[in-house]
Amino acid sequence: MIVKAKEIAPDKEFNKLNKAMLMECCENVIANENAKDMSTDSMMLAALSALQVCQGMMKGLISGLIPQAGDIVNLTYRGETYTFDKNSPILN
């Protein structure tokens, strides 16, 4: 999936968190009852669009929590723990 995503969006960075979010987006697209009628490229575009929404939501969540959490936020997502501070790249 990551290889196909890089073909469609070659400038997109896929760090560990982005990969986990993309996997979830792909799972959601595949679970949709209309997926059987979609091409692989259409499903990947849907997943990448969903990823854009997820990234915006994650950025807002983290930037909102940092001031309340003492400048560091630990987030467990899909079994992995990520640590963010006010200088984390996700917030740029």
C-alpha atoms as a PDB file:
ATOM      1  CA  MET A   1       0.000   0.000   0.000  1.00  0.00           C
ATOM      2  CA  ILE A   2       2.785   2.422   0.848  1.00  0.00           C
ATOM      3  CA  VAL A   3       4.445   1.736  -2.519  1.00  0.00           C
ATOM      4  CA  LYS A   4       1.185   2.439  -4.364  1.00  0.00           C
ATOM      5  CA  ALA A   5       0.604   5.552  -2.250  1.00  0.00           C
ATOM      6  CA  LYS A   6       4.076   6.843  -3.151  1.00  0.00           C
ATOM      7  CA  GLU A   7       3.267   6.315  -6.830  1.00  0.00           C
ATOM      8  CA  ILE A   8       0.128   8.432  -6.479  1.00  0.00           C
ATOM      9  CA  ALA A   9       1.613  11.000  -4.067  1.00  0.00           C
ATOM     10  CA  PRO A  10       5.415  10.939  -4.539  1.00  0.00           C
ATOM     11  CA  ASP A  11       5.998  14.065  -2.425  1.00  0.00           C
ATOM     12  CA  LYS A  12       4.158  12.630   0.605  1.00  0.00           C
ATOM     13  CA  GLU A  13       6.268  11.649   3.618  1.00  0.00           C
ATOM     14  CA  PHE A  14       5.379   8.358   5.252  1.00  0.00           C
ATOM     15  CA  ASN A  15       6.893   8.231   8.709  1.00  0.00           C
ATOM     16  CA  LYS A  16       5.793   5.539  11.162  1.00  0.00           C
ATOM     17  CA  LEU A  17       2.720   7.451  12.344  1.00  0.00           C
ATOM     18  CA  ASN A  18       1.669   8.335   8.790  1.00  0.00           C
ATOM     19  CA  LYS A  19       2.022   4.675   7.791  1.00  0.00           C
ATOM     20  CA  ALA A  20      -0.199   3.599  10.699  1.00  0.00           C
ATOM     21  CA  MET A  21      -2.814   6.215   9.819  1.00  0.00           C
ATOM     22  CA  LEU A  22      -2.670   5.258   6.125  1.00  0.00           C
ATOM     23  CA  MET A  23      -3.162   1.591   7.014  1.00  0.00           C
ATOM     24  CA  GLU A  24      -6.270   2.486   9.002  1.00  0.00           C
ATOM     25  CA  CYS A  25      -7.568   4.646   6.154  1.00  0.00           C
ATOM     26  CA  CYS A  26      -6.993   1.789   3.685  1.00  0.00           C
ATOM     27  CA  GLU A  27      -8.792  -0.655   5.986  1.00  0.00           C
ATOM     28  CA  ASN A  28     -11.754   1.710   6.164  1.00  0.00           C
ATOM     29  CA  VAL A  29     -11.898   2.121   2.383  1.00  0.00           C
ATOM     30  CA  ILE A  30     -11.704  -1.638   1.828  1.00  0.00           C
ATOM     31  CA  ALA A  31     -14.427  -2.222   4.435  1.00  0.00           C
ATOM     32  CA  ASN A  32     -16.791   0.072   2.528  1.00  0.00           C
ATOM     33  CA  GLU A  33     -19.450  -1.914   0.668  1.00  0.00           C
ATOM     34  CA  ASN A  34     -18.756   0.112  -2.511  1.00  0.00           C
ATOM     35  CA  ALA A  35     -15.054  -0.864  -2.549  1.00  0.00           C
ATOM     36  CA  LYS A  36     -15.713  -3.862  -4.777  1.00  0.00           C
ATOM     37  CA  ASP A  37     -16.726  -1.451  -7.566  1.00  0.00           C
ATOM     38  CA  MET A  38     -13.643   0.778  -7.186  1.00  0.00           C
ATOM     39  CA  SER A  39     -10.315   0.501  -8.993  1.00  0.00           C
ATOM     40  CA  THR A  40      -7.138   0.182  -6.929  1.00  0.00           C
ATOM     41  CA  ASP A  41      -6.158   3.740  -7.856  1.00  0.00           C
ATOM     42  CA  SER A  42      -9.571   5.046  -6.769  1.00  0.00           C
ATOM     43  CA  MET A  43      -9.279   3.226  -3.445  1.00  0.00           C
ATOM     44  CA  MET A  44      -5.788   4.653  -2.888  1.00  0.00           C
ATOM     45  CA  LEU A  45      -6.984   8.168  -3.714  1.00  0.00           C
ATOM     46  CA  ALA A  46      -9.828   7.714  -1.218  1.00  0.00           C
ATOM     47  CA  ALA A  47      -7.359   6.462   1.412  1.00  0.00           C
ATOM     48  CA  LEU A  48      -4.942   9.344   0.751  1.00  0.00           C
ATOM     49  CA  SER A  49      -7.810  11.835   1.002  1.00  0.00           C
ATOM     50  CA  ALA A  50      -8.833  10.285   4.313  1.00  0.00           C
ATOM     51  CA  LEU A  51      -5.200  10.447   5.441  1.00  0.00           C
ATOM     52  CA  GLN A  52      -5.152  14.196   4.782  1.00  0.00           C
ATOM     53  CA  VAL A  53      -8.184  14.586   7.054  1.00  0.00           C
ATOM     54  CA  CYS A  54      -6.610  12.361   9.728  1.00  0.00           C
ATOM     55  CA  GLN A  55      -3.364  14.330   9.650  1.00  0.00           C
ATOM     56  CA  GLY A  56      -5.220  17.606  10.141  1.00  0.00           C
ATOM     57  CA  MET A  57      -7.190  16.128  13.014  1.00  0.00           C
ATOM     58  CA  MET A  58      -4.038  14.694  14.610  1.00  0.00           C
ATOM     59  CA  LYS A  59      -2.203  18.020  14.272  1.00  0.00           C
ATOM     60  CA  GLY A  60      -5.097  19.846  15.927  1.00  0.00           C
ATOM     61  CA  LEU A  61      -5.372  17.281  18.692  1.00  0.00           C
ATOM     62  CA  ILE A  62      -1.664  17.328  19.512  1.00  0.00           C
ATOM     63  CA  SER A  63      -1.276  21.102  19.315  1.00  0.00           C
ATOM     64  CA  GLY A  64      -4.310  21.488  21.582  1.00  0.00           C
ATOM     65  CA  LEU A  65      -3.003  19.007  24.142  1.00  0.00           C
ATOM     66  CA  ILE A  66       0.613  20.181  24.386  1.00  0.00           C
ATOM     67  CA  PRO A  67      -0.094  23.367  26.401  1.00  0.00           C
ATOM     68  CA  GLN A  68      -2.291  21.395  28.812  1.00  0.00           C
ATOM     69  CA  ALA A  69       0.082  18.445  29.162  1.00  0.00           C
ATOM     70  CA  GLY A  70       3.239  20.278  30.155  1.00  0.00           C
ATOM     71  CA  ASP A  71       4.832  20.604  26.702  1.00  0.00           C
ATOM     72  CA  ILE A  72       5.003  16.847  25.953  1.00  0.00           C
ATOM     73  CA  VAL A  73       2.241  14.545  24.729  1.00  0.00           C
ATOM     74  CA  ASN A  74       2.494  10.760  24.581  1.00  0.00           C
ATOM     75  CA  LEU A  75       0.042   9.203  22.161  1.00  0.00           C
ATOM     76  CA  THR A  76      -0.615   5.490  21.765  1.00  0.00           C
ATOM     77  CA  TYR A  77      -2.065   4.723  18.348  1.00  0.00           C
ATOM     78  CA  ARG A  78      -2.528   1.232  16.934  1.00  0.00           C
ATOM     79  CA  GLY A  79      -0.237  -0.271  19.556  1.00  0.00           C
ATOM     80  CA  GLU A  80       2.665   2.166  19.096  1.00  0.00           C
ATOM     81  CA  THR A  81       3.512   5.066  21.392  1.00  0.00           C
ATOM     82  CA  TYR A  82       4.585   8.397  19.923  1.00  0.00           C
ATOM     83  CA  THR A  83       5.972  11.371  21.841  1.00  0.00           C
ATOM     84  CA  PHE A  84       5.364  14.915  20.660  1.00  0.00           C
ATOM     85  CA  ASP A  85       6.477  18.322  21.862  1.00  0.00           C
ATOM     86  CA  LYS A  86       5.916  21.837  20.555  1.00  0.00           C
ATOM     87  CA  ASN A  87       8.774  21.364  18.032  1.00  0.00           C
ATOM     88  CA  SER A  88       7.521  18.087  16.556  1.00  0.00           C
ATOM     89  CA  PRO A  89       7.441  18.047  12.732  1.00  0.00           C
ATOM     90  CA  ILE A  90       3.750  17.047  12.714  1.00  0.00           C
ATOM     91  CA  LEU A  91       2.927  20.511  14.043  1.00  0.00           C
ATOM     92  CA  ASN A  92       4.679  22.381  11.209  1.00  0.00           C
END
